[in-house]
Amino acid sequence: AIGAILVYLWFRFEWQFALGAMIANVHDLVLTLGFMSIMQV
C-alpha cells in the first residue's frame, strides 16, 4: 500500500510531493503502532 501510494503521487505530482506524502504516511503508521503498543490494543 505504501509503495502504491508513492508511485501514484509520483505520477500525479512531482517526486518531492510523493516523498513528502510517503514520509507523512509512515509517520502516521509509526505513531499508531506505538499507540497500540502502549495501550496493548
Full PDB file with SEQRES, HELIX, SHEET, SSBOND, CRYST1, ORIGX, SCALE, CONECT and MASTER records, all heavy atoms in Angstrom:
SEQRES   1 A   41  ALA ILE GLY ALA ILE LEU VAL TYR LEU TRP PHE ARG PHE          
SEQRES   2 A   41  GLU TRP GLN PHE ALA LEU GLY ALA MET ILE ALA ASN VAL          
SEQRES   3 A   41  HIS ASP LEU VAL LEU THR LEU GLY PHE MET SER ILE MET          
SEQRES   4 A   41  GLN VAL                                                      
HELIX    1 AA1 ILE A    2  ARG A   12  1                                  11    
HELIX    2 AA2 TRP A   15  MET A   39  1                                  25    
CRYST1    1.000    1.000    1.000  90.00  90.00  90.00 P 1           1          
ORIGX1      1.000000  0.000000  0.000000        0.00000                         
ORIGX2      0.000000  1.000000  0.000000        0.00000                         
ORIGX3      0.000000  0.000000  1.000000        0.00000                         
SCALE1      1.000000  0.000000  0.000000        0.00000                         
SCALE2      0.000000  1.000000  0.000000        0.00000                         
SCALE3      0.000000  0.000000  1.000000        0.00000                         
ATOM      1  N   ALA A   1       0.832  -1.209   0.000  1.00  0.00           N  
ATOM      2  CA  ALA A   1       0.000   0.000   0.000  1.00  0.00           C  
ATOM      3  C   ALA A   1       0.862   1.254   0.000  1.00  0.00           C  
ATOM      4  O   ALA A   1       0.599   2.213  -0.743  1.00  0.00           O  
ATOM      5  CB  ALA A   1      -0.928  -0.007   1.217  1.00  0.00           C  
ATOM      6  N   ILE A   2       1.923   1.277   0.818  1.00  0.00           N  
ATOM      7  CA  ILE A   2       2.811   2.445   0.855  1.00  0.00           C  
ATOM      8  C   ILE A   2       3.512   2.618  -0.489  1.00  0.00           C  
ATOM      9  O   ILE A   2       3.648   3.746  -1.002  1.00  0.00           O  
ATOM     10  CB  ILE A   2       3.836   2.289   1.994  1.00  0.00           C  
ATOM     11  CG1 ILE A   2       3.127   2.296   3.351  1.00  0.00           C  
ATOM     12  CG2 ILE A   2       4.887   3.396   1.942  1.00  0.00           C  
ATOM     13  CD1 ILE A   2       4.044   2.025   4.529  1.00  0.00           C  
ATOM     14  N   GLY A   3       3.964   1.507  -1.096  1.00  0.00           N  
ATOM     15  CA  GLY A   3       4.605   1.598  -2.408  1.00  0.00           C  
ATOM     16  C   GLY A   3       3.660   2.109  -3.489  1.00  0.00           C  
ATOM     17  O   GLY A   3       4.047   2.926  -4.333  1.00  0.00           O  
ATOM     18  N   ALA A   4       2.413   1.640  -3.470  1.00  0.00           N  
ATOM     19  CA  ALA A   4       1.434   2.097  -4.458  1.00  0.00           C  
ATOM     20  C   ALA A   4       1.144   3.587  -4.292  1.00  0.00           C  
ATOM     21  O   ALA A   4       0.972   4.312  -5.280  1.00  0.00           O  
ATOM     22  CB  ALA A   4       0.145   1.280  -4.321  1.00  0.00           C  
ATOM     23  N   ILE A   5       1.086   4.047  -3.045  1.00  0.00           N  
ATOM     24  CA  ILE A   5       0.864   5.475  -2.786  1.00  0.00           C  
ATOM     25  C   ILE A   5       2.013   6.300  -3.350  1.00  0.00           C  
ATOM     26  O   ILE A   5       1.808   7.349  -3.976  1.00  0.00           O  
ATOM     27  CB  ILE A   5       0.713   5.714  -1.270  1.00  0.00           C  
ATOM     28  CG1 ILE A   5      -0.619   5.160  -0.784  1.00  0.00           C  
ATOM     29  CG2 ILE A   5       0.823   7.201  -0.929  1.00  0.00           C  
ATOM     30  CD1 ILE A   5      -0.764   5.162   0.719  1.00  0.00           C  
ATOM     31  N   LEU A   6       3.240   5.830  -3.156  1.00  0.00           N  
ATOM     32  CA  LEU A   6       4.409   6.536  -3.668  1.00  0.00           C  
ATOM     33  C   LEU A   6       4.363   6.659  -5.190  1.00  0.00           C  
ATOM     34  O   LEU A   6       4.596   7.736  -5.752  1.00  0.00           O  
ATOM     35  CB  LEU A   6       5.677   5.801  -3.224  1.00  0.00           C  
ATOM     36  CG  LEU A   6       7.012   6.361  -3.720  1.00  0.00           C  
ATOM     37  CD1 LEU A   6       7.234   7.761  -3.170  1.00  0.00           C  
ATOM     38  CD2 LEU A   6       8.161   5.448  -3.319  1.00  0.00           C  
ATOM     39  N   VAL A   7       4.063   5.557  -5.876  1.00  0.00           N  
ATOM     40  CA  VAL A   7       4.010   5.573  -7.343  1.00  0.00           C  
ATOM     41  C   VAL A   7       2.889   6.481  -7.839  1.00  0.00           C  
ATOM     42  O   VAL A   7       3.066   7.276  -8.784  1.00  0.00           O  
ATOM     43  CB  VAL A   7       3.821   4.134  -7.874  1.00  0.00           C  
ATOM     44  CG1 VAL A   7       3.583   4.148  -9.378  1.00  0.00           C  
ATOM     45  CG2 VAL A   7       5.031   3.285  -7.521  1.00  0.00           C  
ATOM     46  N   TYR A   8       1.722   6.404  -7.194  1.00  0.00           N  
ATOM     47  CA  TYR A   8       0.572   7.228  -7.595  1.00  0.00           C  
ATOM     48  C   TYR A   8       0.901   8.715  -7.507  1.00  0.00           C  
ATOM     49  O   TYR A   8       0.650   9.484  -8.443  1.00  0.00           O  
ATOM     50  CB  TYR A   8      -0.620   6.881  -6.718  1.00  0.00           C  
ATOM     51  CG  TYR A   8      -1.737   7.895  -6.757  1.00  0.00           C  
ATOM     52  CD1 TYR A   8      -2.574   8.009  -7.882  1.00  0.00           C  
ATOM     53  CD2 TYR A   8      -1.978   8.750  -5.679  1.00  0.00           C  
ATOM     54  CE1 TYR A   8      -3.596   8.946  -7.921  1.00  0.00           C  
ATOM     55  CE2 TYR A   8      -2.989   9.675  -5.718  1.00  0.00           C  
ATOM     56  CZ  TYR A   8      -3.797   9.767  -6.836  1.00  0.00           C  
ATOM     57  OH  TYR A   8      -4.802  10.697  -6.864  1.00  0.00           O  
ATOM     58  N   LEU A   9       1.467   9.131  -6.380  1.00  0.00           N  
ATOM     59  CA  LEU A   9       1.765  10.550  -6.205  1.00  0.00           C  
ATOM     60  C   LEU A   9       2.918  10.993  -7.095  1.00  0.00           C  
ATOM     61  O   LEU A   9       2.981  12.154  -7.507  1.00  0.00           O  
ATOM     62  CB  LEU A   9       2.094  10.834  -4.735  1.00  0.00           C  
ATOM     63  CG  LEU A   9       0.912  10.752  -3.778  1.00  0.00           C  
ATOM     64  CD1 LEU A   9       1.365  10.967  -2.343  1.00  0.00           C  
ATOM     65  CD2 LEU A   9      -0.134  11.793  -4.137  1.00  0.00           C  
ATOM     66  N   TRP A  10       3.833  10.103  -7.404  1.00  0.00           N  
ATOM     67  CA  TRP A  10       4.952  10.449  -8.281  1.00  0.00           C  
ATOM     68  C   TRP A  10       4.422  10.818  -9.667  1.00  0.00           C  
ATOM     69  O   TRP A  10       4.895  11.770 -10.297  1.00  0.00           O  
ATOM     70  CB  TRP A  10       5.909   9.264  -8.380  1.00  0.00           C  
ATOM     71  CG  TRP A  10       7.278   9.635  -8.882  1.00  0.00           C  
ATOM     72  CD1 TRP A  10       7.589  10.417  -9.953  1.00  0.00           C  
ATOM     73  CD2 TRP A  10       8.525   9.230  -8.317  1.00  0.00           C  
ATOM     74  NE1 TRP A  10       8.938  10.519 -10.093  1.00  0.00           N  
ATOM     75  CE2 TRP A  10       9.550   9.808  -9.104  1.00  0.00           C  
ATOM     76  CE3 TRP A  10       8.878   8.430  -7.237  1.00  0.00           C  
ATOM     77  CZ2 TRP A  10      10.908   9.593  -8.847  1.00  0.00           C  
ATOM     78  CZ3 TRP A  10      10.217   8.229  -6.977  1.00  0.00           C  
ATOM     79  CH2 TRP A  10      11.212   8.806  -7.768  1.00  0.00           C  
ATOM     80  N   PHE A  11       3.423  10.075 -10.149  1.00  0.00           N  
ATOM     81  CA  PHE A  11       2.860  10.361 -11.463  1.00  0.00           C  
ATOM     82  C   PHE A  11       1.930  11.569 -11.422  1.00  0.00           C  
ATOM     83  O   PHE A  11       1.894  12.370 -12.371  1.00  0.00           O  
ATOM     84  CB  PHE A  11       2.110   9.138 -12.006  1.00  0.00           C  
ATOM     85  CG  PHE A  11       3.009   8.111 -12.607  1.00  0.00           C  
ATOM     86  CD1 PHE A  11       3.390   6.988 -11.898  1.00  0.00           C  
ATOM     87  CD2 PHE A  11       3.486   8.261 -13.898  1.00  0.00           C  
ATOM     88  CE1 PHE A  11       4.228   6.026 -12.438  1.00  0.00           C  
ATOM     89  CE2 PHE A  11       4.335   7.321 -14.463  1.00  0.00           C  
ATOM     90  CZ  PHE A  11       4.709   6.192 -13.731  1.00  0.00           C  
ATOM     91  N   ARG A  12       1.188  11.731 -10.344  1.00  0.00           N  
ATOM     92  CA  ARG A  12       0.217  12.824 -10.293  1.00  0.00           C  
ATOM     93  C   ARG A  12       0.882  14.166 -10.018  1.00  0.00           C  
ATOM     94  O   ARG A  12       0.479  15.181 -10.583  1.00  0.00           O  
ATOM     95  CB  ARG A  12      -0.834  12.536  -9.216  1.00  0.00           C  
ATOM     96  CG  ARG A  12      -1.810  13.681  -9.044  1.00  0.00           C  
ATOM     97  CD  ARG A  12      -3.050  13.290  -8.300  1.00  0.00           C  
ATOM     98  NE  ARG A  12      -3.950  14.411  -8.162  1.00  0.00           N  
ATOM     99  CZ  ARG A  12      -5.143  14.349  -7.615  1.00  0.00           C  
ATOM    100  NH1 ARG A  12      -5.589  13.193  -7.149  1.00  0.00           N  
ATOM    101  NH2 ARG A  12      -5.915  15.407  -7.525  1.00  0.00           N  
ATOM    102  N   PHE A  13       1.881  14.196  -9.148  1.00  0.00           N  
ATOM    103  CA  PHE A  13       2.556  15.444  -8.803  1.00  0.00           C  
ATOM    104  C   PHE A  13       4.019  15.357  -9.244  1.00  0.00           C  
ATOM    105  O   PHE A  13       4.301  14.979 -10.359  1.00  0.00           O  
ATOM    106  CB  PHE A  13       2.452  15.694  -7.289  1.00  0.00           C  
ATOM    107  CG  PHE A  13       1.044  15.864  -6.797  1.00  0.00           C  
ATOM    108  CD1 PHE A  13       0.377  14.820  -6.177  1.00  0.00           C  
ATOM    109  CD2 PHE A  13       0.377  17.075  -6.955  1.00  0.00           C  
ATOM    110  CE1 PHE A  13      -0.921  14.972  -5.725  1.00  0.00           C  
ATOM    111  CE2 PHE A  13      -0.923  17.233  -6.512  1.00  0.00           C  
ATOM    112  CZ  PHE A  13      -1.575  16.182  -5.892  1.00  0.00           C  
ATOM    113  N   GLU A  14       4.925  15.729  -8.349  1.00  0.00           N  
ATOM    114  CA  GLU A  14       6.356  15.605  -8.579  1.00  0.00           C  
ATOM    115  C   GLU A  14       6.936  14.673  -7.522  1.00  0.00           C  
ATOM    116  O   GLU A  14       6.257  14.286  -6.575  1.00  0.00           O  
ATOM    117  CB  GLU A  14       7.022  16.985  -8.504  1.00  0.00           C  
ATOM    118  CG  GLU A  14       6.454  17.989  -9.494  1.00  0.00           C  
ATOM    119  CD  GLU A  14       7.028  19.375  -9.272  1.00  0.00           C  
ATOM    120  OE1 GLU A  14       8.015  19.501  -8.523  1.00  0.00           O  
ATOM    121  OE2 GLU A  14       6.497  20.327  -9.837  1.00  0.00           O  
ATOM    122  N   TRP A  15       8.209  14.317  -7.699  1.00  0.00           N  
ATOM    123  CA  TRP A  15       8.796  13.344  -6.777  1.00  0.00           C  
ATOM    124  C   TRP A  15       8.854  13.899  -5.357  1.00  0.00           C  
ATOM    125  O   TRP A  15       8.747  13.145  -4.388  1.00  0.00           O  
ATOM    126  CB  TRP A  15      10.183  12.930  -7.249  1.00  0.00           C  
ATOM    127  CG  TRP A  15      11.230  14.020  -7.156  1.00  0.00           C  
ATOM    128  CD1 TRP A  15      11.580  14.900  -8.132  1.00  0.00           C  
ATOM    129  CD2 TRP A  15      12.043  14.315  -6.020  1.00  0.00           C  
ATOM    130  NE1 TRP A  15      12.560  15.744  -7.667  1.00  0.00           N  
ATOM    131  CE2 TRP A  15      12.873  15.408  -6.380  1.00  0.00           C  
ATOM    132  CE3 TRP A  15      12.160  13.773  -4.746  1.00  0.00           C  
ATOM    133  CZ2 TRP A  15      13.794  15.962  -5.497  1.00  0.00           C  
ATOM    134  CZ3 TRP A  15      13.077  14.319  -3.862  1.00  0.00           C  
ATOM    135  CH2 TRP A  15      13.889  15.402  -4.237  1.00  0.00           C  
ATOM    136  N   GLN A  16       9.004  15.251  -5.209  1.00  0.00           N  
ATOM    137  CA  GLN A  16       9.034  15.820  -3.856  1.00  0.00           C  
ATOM    138  C   GLN A  16       7.708  15.613  -3.135  1.00  0.00           C  
ATOM    139  O   GLN A  16       7.670  15.324  -1.931  1.00  0.00           O  
ATOM    140  CB  GLN A  16       9.363  17.308  -3.906  1.00  0.00           C  
ATOM    141  CG  GLN A  16      10.760  17.636  -4.400  1.00  0.00           C  
ATOM    142  CD  GLN A  16      10.766  17.993  -5.872  1.00  0.00           C  
ATOM    143  OE1 GLN A  16       9.935  17.485  -6.635  1.00  0.00           O  
ATOM    144  NE2 GLN A  16      11.682  18.846  -6.280  1.00  0.00           N  
ATOM    145  N   PHE A  17       6.596  15.766  -3.868  1.00  0.00           N  
ATOM    146  CA  PHE A  17       5.275  15.556  -3.271  1.00  0.00           C  
ATOM    147  C   PHE A  17       5.097  14.087  -2.875  1.00  0.00           C  
ATOM    148  O   PHE A  17       4.544  13.783  -1.808  1.00  0.00           O  
ATOM    149  CB  PHE A  17       4.186  15.966  -4.261  1.00  0.00           C  
ATOM    150  CG  PHE A  17       4.068  17.445  -4.461  1.00  0.00           C  
ATOM    151  CD1 PHE A  17       4.839  18.093  -5.410  1.00  0.00           C  
ATOM    152  CD2 PHE A  17       3.177  18.198  -3.715  1.00  0.00           C  
ATOM    153  CE1 PHE A  17       4.732  19.465  -5.601  1.00  0.00           C  
ATOM    154  CE2 PHE A  17       3.057  19.562  -3.893  1.00  0.00           C  
ATOM    155  CZ  PHE A  17       3.846  20.198  -4.834  1.00  0.00           C  
ATOM    156  N   ALA A  18       5.555  13.178  -3.742  1.00  0.00           N  
ATOM    157  CA  ALA A  18       5.436  11.753  -3.435  1.00  0.00           C  
ATOM    158  C   ALA A  18       6.239  11.394  -2.195  1.00  0.00           C  
ATOM    159  O   ALA A  18       5.757  10.672  -1.310  1.00  0.00           O  
ATOM    160  CB  ALA A  18       5.905  10.926  -4.636  1.00  0.00           C  
ATOM    161  N   LEU A  19       7.462  11.905  -2.115  1.00  0.00           N  
ATOM    162  CA  LEU A  19       8.299  11.613  -0.950  1.00  0.00           C  
ATOM    163  C   LEU A  19       7.714  12.225   0.316  1.00  0.00           C  
ATOM    164  O   LEU A  19       7.707  11.594   1.383  1.00  0.00           O  
ATOM    165  CB  LEU A  19       9.712  12.147  -1.191  1.00  0.00           C  
ATOM    166  CG  LEU A  19      10.743  11.869  -0.094  1.00  0.00           C  
ATOM    167  CD1 LEU A  19      10.877  10.365   0.154  1.00  0.00           C  
ATOM    168  CD2 LEU A  19      12.094  12.472  -0.457  1.00  0.00           C  
ATOM    169  N   GLY A  20       7.206  13.452   0.214  1.00  0.00           N  
ATOM    170  CA  GLY A  20       6.588  14.097   1.374  1.00  0.00           C  
ATOM    171  C   GLY A  20       5.384  13.333   1.884  1.00  0.00           C  
ATOM    172  O   GLY A  20       5.215  13.145   3.103  1.00  0.00           O  
ATOM    173  N   ALA A  21       4.534  12.875   0.964  1.00  0.00           N  
ATOM    174  CA  ALA A  21       3.347  12.116   1.376  1.00  0.00           C  
ATOM    175  C   ALA A  21       3.729  10.770   1.982  1.00  0.00           C  
ATOM    176  O   ALA A  21       3.117  10.320   2.958  1.00  0.00           O  
ATOM    177  CB  ALA A  21       2.424  11.908   0.178  1.00  0.00           C  
ATOM    178  N   MET A  22       4.766  10.125   1.425  1.00  0.00           N  
ATOM    179  CA  MET A  22       5.186   8.839   1.971  1.00  0.00           C  
ATOM    180  C   MET A  22       5.748   9.009   3.390  1.00  0.00           C  
ATOM    181  O   MET A  22       5.459   8.202   4.282  1.00  0.00           O  
ATOM    182  CB  MET A  22       6.250   8.205   1.067  1.00  0.00           C  
ATOM    183  CG  MET A  22       6.592   6.777   1.472  1.00  0.00           C  
ATOM    184  SD  MET A  22       7.925   6.051   0.506  1.00  0.00           S  
ATOM    185  CE  MET A  22       9.308   7.018   1.097  1.00  0.00           C  
ATOM    186  N   ILE A  23       6.545  10.058   3.603  1.00  0.00           N  
ATOM    187  CA  ILE A  23       7.068  10.316   4.944  1.00  0.00           C  
ATOM    188  C   ILE A  23       5.926  10.562   5.921  1.00  0.00           C  
ATOM    189  O   ILE A  23       5.929  10.060   7.055  1.00  0.00           O  
ATOM    190  CB  ILE A  23       8.035  11.519   4.914  1.00  0.00           C  
ATOM    191  CG1 ILE A  23       9.298  11.158   4.132  1.00  0.00           C  
ATOM    192  CG2 ILE A  23       8.398  11.963   6.329  1.00  0.00           C  
ATOM    193  CD1 ILE A  23      10.237  12.322   3.909  1.00  0.00           C  
ATOM    194  N   ALA A  24       4.912  11.333   5.482  1.00  0.00           N  
ATOM    195  CA  ALA A  24       3.765  11.613   6.346  1.00  0.00           C  
ATOM    196  C   ALA A  24       2.997  10.333   6.678  1.00  0.00           C  
ATOM    197  O   ALA A  24       2.576  10.119   7.825  1.00  0.00           O  
ATOM    198  CB  ALA A  24       2.845  12.626   5.666  1.00  0.00           C  
ATOM    199  N   ASN A  25       2.823   9.459   5.690  1.00  0.00           N  
ATOM    200  CA  ASN A  25       2.080   8.220   5.926  1.00  0.00           C  
ATOM    201  C   ASN A  25       2.837   7.268   6.840  1.00  0.00           C  
ATOM    202  O   ASN A  25       2.250   6.625   7.725  1.00  0.00           O  
ATOM    203  CB  ASN A  25       1.772   7.532   4.595  1.00  0.00           C  
ATOM    204  CG  ASN A  25       0.636   8.189   3.842  1.00  0.00           C  
ATOM    205  OD1 ASN A  25      -0.228   8.815   4.441  1.00  0.00           O  
ATOM    206  ND2 ASN A  25       0.638   8.062   2.533  1.00  0.00           N  
ATOM    207  N   VAL A  26       4.145   7.154   6.631  1.00  0.00           N  
ATOM    208  CA  VAL A  26       4.949   6.303   7.520  1.00  0.00           C  
ATOM    209  C   VAL A  26       4.923   6.864   8.936  1.00  0.00           C  
ATOM    210  O   VAL A  26       4.861   6.109   9.922  1.00  0.00           O  
ATOM    211  CB  VAL A  26       6.391   6.203   6.984  1.00  0.00           C  
ATOM    212  CG1 VAL A  26       7.290   5.501   7.993  1.00  0.00           C  
ATOM    213  CG2 VAL A  26       6.415   5.456   5.661  1.00  0.00           C  
ATOM    214  N   HIS A  27       4.950   8.192   9.052  1.00  0.00           N  
ATOM    215  CA  HIS A  27       4.843   8.850  10.365  1.00  0.00           C  
ATOM    216  C   HIS A  27       3.537   8.458  11.056  1.00  0.00           C  
ATOM    217  O   HIS A  27       3.523   8.135  12.249  1.00  0.00           O  
ATOM    218  CB  HIS A  27       4.930  10.363  10.168  1.00  0.00           C  
ATOM    219  CG  HIS A  27       4.597  11.174  11.376  1.00  0.00           C  
ATOM    220  ND1 HIS A  27       3.320  11.657  11.615  1.00  0.00           N  
ATOM    221  CD2 HIS A  27       5.351  11.591  12.416  1.00  0.00           C  
ATOM    222  CE1 HIS A  27       3.315  12.341  12.749  1.00  0.00           C  
ATOM    223  NE2 HIS A  27       4.520  12.311  13.255  1.00  0.00           N  
ATOM    224  N   ASP A  28       2.427   8.460  10.308  1.00  0.00           N  
ATOM    225  CA  ASP A  28       1.134   8.059  10.876  1.00  0.00           C  
ATOM    226  C   ASP A  28       1.159   6.607  11.344  1.00  0.00           C  
ATOM    227  O   ASP A  28       0.668   6.283  12.435  1.00  0.00           O  
ATOM    228  CB  ASP A  28       0.022   8.240   9.838  1.00  0.00           C  
ATOM    229  CG  ASP A  28      -0.258   9.702   9.544  1.00  0.00           C  
ATOM    230  OD1 ASP A  28       0.211  10.554  10.311  1.00  0.00           O  
ATOM    231  OD2 ASP A  28      -0.937   9.987   8.537  1.00  0.00           O  
ATOM    232  N   LEU A  29       1.723   5.723  10.522  1.00  0.00           N  
ATOM    233  CA  LEU A  29       1.766   4.303  10.888  1.00  0.00           C  
ATOM    234  C   LEU A  29       2.622   4.066  12.125  1.00  0.00           C  
ATOM    235  O   LEU A  29       2.235   3.310  13.023  1.00  0.00           O  
ATOM    236  CB  LEU A  29       2.312   3.483   9.715  1.00  0.00           C  
ATOM    237  CG  LEU A  29       1.381   3.228   8.539  1.00  0.00           C  
ATOM    238  CD1 LEU A  29       2.077   2.352   7.502  1.00  0.00           C  
ATOM    239  CD2 LEU A  29       0.095   2.562   8.990  1.00  0.00           C  
ATOM    240  N   VAL A  30       3.784   4.719  12.181  1.00  0.00           N  
ATOM    241  CA  VAL A  30       4.693   4.508  13.312  1.00  0.00           C  
ATOM    242  C   VAL A  30       4.041   4.955  14.607  1.00  0.00           C  
ATOM    243  O   VAL A  30       4.062   4.240  15.624  1.00  0.00           O  
ATOM    244  CB  VAL A  30       6.023   5.254  13.073  1.00  0.00           C  
ATOM    245  CG1 VAL A  30       6.868   5.279  14.341  1.00  0.00           C  
ATOM    246  CG2 VAL A  30       6.802   4.591  11.944  1.00  0.00           C  
ATOM    247  N   LEU A  31       3.431   6.155  14.612  1.00  0.00           N  
ATOM    248  CA  LEU A  31       2.800   6.643  15.834  1.00  0.00           C  
ATOM    249  C   LEU A  31       1.600   5.786  16.224  1.00  0.00           C  
ATOM    250  O   LEU A  31       1.358   5.549  17.417  1.00  0.00           O  
ATOM    251  CB  LEU A  31       2.369   8.101  15.654  1.00  0.00           C  
ATOM    252  CG  LEU A  31       3.491   9.143  15.524  1.00  0.00           C  
ATOM    253  CD1 LEU A  31       2.919  10.547  15.579  1.00  0.00           C  
ATOM    254  CD2 LEU A  31       4.538   8.968  16.610  1.00  0.00           C  
ATOM    255  N   THR A  32       0.851   5.314  15.232  1.00  0.00           N  
ATOM    256  CA  THR A  32      -0.306   4.465  15.539  1.00  0.00           C  
ATOM    257  C   THR A  32       0.137   3.131  16.130  1.00  0.00           C  
ATOM    258  O   THR A  32      -0.468   2.638  17.094  1.00  0.00           O  
ATOM    259  CB  THR A  32      -1.147   4.229  14.271  1.00  0.00           C  
ATOM    260  OG1 THR A  32      -1.548   5.488  13.719  1.00  0.00           O  
ATOM    261  CG2 THR A  32      -2.385   3.419  14.593  1.00  0.00           C  
ATOM    262  N   LEU A  33       1.197   2.544  15.592  1.00  0.00           N  
ATOM    263  CA  LEU A  33       1.716   1.287  16.151  1.00  0.00           C  
ATOM    264  C   LEU A  33       2.246   1.507  17.566  1.00  0.00           C  
ATOM    265  O   LEU A  33       2.089   0.645  18.440  1.00  0.00           O  
ATOM    266  CB  LEU A  33       2.813   0.736  15.249  1.00  0.00           C  
ATOM    267  CG  LEU A  33       2.356   0.156  13.904  1.00  0.00           C  
ATOM    268  CD1 LEU A  33       3.550  -0.217  13.046  1.00  0.00           C  
ATOM    269  CD2 LEU A  33       1.454  -1.053  14.108  1.00  0.00           C  
ATOM    270  N   GLY A  34       2.873   2.671  17.806  1.00  0.00           N  
ATOM    271  CA  GLY A  34       3.313   2.984  19.163  1.00  0.00           C  
ATOM    272  C   GLY A  34       2.154   3.111  20.130  1.00  0.00           C  
ATOM    273  O   GLY A  34       2.220   2.630  21.273  1.00  0.00           O  
ATOM    274  N   PHE A  35       1.071   3.742  19.660  1.00  0.00           N  
ATOM    275  CA  PHE A  35      -0.141   3.857  20.483  1.00  0.00           C  
ATOM    276  C   PHE A  35      -0.727   2.489  20.797  1.00  0.00           C  
ATOM    277  O   PHE A  35      -1.109   2.204  21.942  1.00  0.00           O  
ATOM    278  CB  PHE A  35      -1.171   4.720  19.753  1.00  0.00           C  
ATOM    279  CG  PHE A  35      -2.544   4.679  20.349  1.00  0.00           C  
ATOM    280  CD1 PHE A  35      -2.849   5.410  21.480  1.00  0.00           C  
ATOM    281  CD2 PHE A  35      -3.544   3.905  19.773  1.00  0.00           C  
ATOM    282  CE1 PHE A  35      -4.117   5.375  22.045  1.00  0.00           C  
ATOM    283  CE2 PHE A  35      -4.815   3.854  20.324  1.00  0.00           C  
ATOM    284  CZ  PHE A  35      -5.100   4.597  21.459  1.00  0.00           C  
ATOM    285  N   MET A  36      -0.770   1.609  19.804  1.00  0.00           N  
ATOM    286  CA  MET A  36      -1.315   0.275  20.025  1.00  0.00           C  
ATOM    287  C   MET A  36      -0.436  -0.521  20.985  1.00  0.00           C  
ATOM    288  O   MET A  36      -0.935  -1.352  21.750  1.00  0.00           O  
ATOM    289  CB  MET A  36      -1.449  -0.458  18.692  1.00  0.00           C  
ATOM    290  CG  MET A  36      -2.416   0.202  17.723  1.00  0.00           C  
ATOM    291  SD  MET A  36      -2.549  -0.691  16.163  1.00  0.00           S  
ATOM    292  CE  MET A  36      -3.456  -2.145  16.692  1.00  0.00           C  
ATOM    293  N   SER A  37       0.881  -0.261  20.952  1.00  0.00           N  
ATOM    294  CA  SER A  37       1.779  -0.976  21.851  1.00  0.00           C  
ATOM    295  C   SER A  37       1.591  -0.532  23.293  1.00  0.00           C  
ATOM    296  O   SER A  37       1.507  -1.363  24.200  1.00  0.00           O  
ATOM    297  CB  SER A  37       3.231  -0.749  21.413  1.00  0.00           C  
ATOM    298  OG  SER A  37       3.460  -1.275  20.117  1.00  0.00           O  
ATOM    299  N   ILE A  38       1.529   0.782  23.508  1.00  0.00           N  
ATOM    300  CA  ILE A  38       1.431   1.273  24.886  1.00  0.00           C  
ATOM    301  C   ILE A  38       0.058   1.013  25.481  1.00  0.00           C  
ATOM    302  O   ILE A  38      -0.078   0.792  26.689  1.00  0.00           O  
ATOM    303  CB  ILE A  38       1.776   2.788  24.947  1.00  0.00           C  
ATOM    304  CG1 ILE A  38       2.023   3.205  26.402  1.00  0.00           C  
ATOM    305  CG2 ILE A  38       0.671   3.627  24.324  1.00  0.00           C  
ATOM    306  CD1 ILE A  38       2.546   4.619  26.538  1.00  0.00           C  
ATOM    307  N   MET A  39      -0.994   0.997  24.646  1.00  0.00           N  
ATOM    308  CA  MET A  39      -2.342   0.733  25.129  1.00  0.00           C  
ATOM    309  C   MET A  39      -2.689  -0.752  25.096  1.00  0.00           C  
ATOM    310  O   MET A  39      -3.753  -1.151  25.571  1.00  0.00           O  
ATOM    311  CB  MET A  39      -3.369   1.511  24.293  1.00  0.00           C  
ATOM    312  CG  MET A  39      -3.223   3.024  24.361  1.00  0.00           C  
ATOM    313  SD  MET A  39      -3.389   3.661  26.041  1.00  0.00           S  
ATOM    314  CE  MET A  39      -5.099   3.280  26.378  1.00  0.00           C  
ATOM    315  N   GLN A  40      -1.794  -1.558  24.508  1.00  0.00           N  
ATOM    316  CA  GLN A  40      -1.990  -3.007  24.408  1.00  0.00           C  
ATOM    317  C   GLN A  40      -3.317  -3.356  23.732  1.00  0.00           C  
ATOM    318  O   GLN A  40      -4.049  -4.255  24.164  1.00  0.00           O  
ATOM    319  CB  GLN A  40      -1.878  -3.672  25.776  1.00  0.00           C  
ATOM    320  CG  GLN A  40      -0.454  -3.719  26.326  1.00  0.00           C  
ATOM    321  CD  GLN A  40       0.470  -4.579  25.485  1.00  0.00           C  
ATOM    322  OE1 GLN A  40       0.409  -5.805  25.513  1.00  0.00           O  
ATOM    323  NE2 GLN A  40       1.343  -3.928  24.716  1.00  0.00           N  
ATOM    324  N   VAL A  41      -3.617  -2.622  22.666  1.00  0.00           N  
ATOM    325  CA  VAL A  41      -4.796  -2.926  21.853  1.00  0.00           C  
ATOM    326  C   VAL A  41      -4.531  -4.226  21.099  1.00  0.00           C  
ATOM    327  O   VAL A  41      -3.425  -4.452  20.590  1.00  0.00           O  
ATOM    328  CB  VAL A  41      -5.084  -1.779  20.864  1.00  0.00           C  
ATOM    329  CG1 VAL A  41      -6.267  -2.116  19.969  1.00  0.00           C  
ATOM    330  CG2 VAL A  41      -5.338  -0.481  21.616  1.00  0.00           C  
TER     331      VAL A  41                                                      
MASTER        0    0    0    2    0    0    0    6  330    1    0    4          
END                                                                             
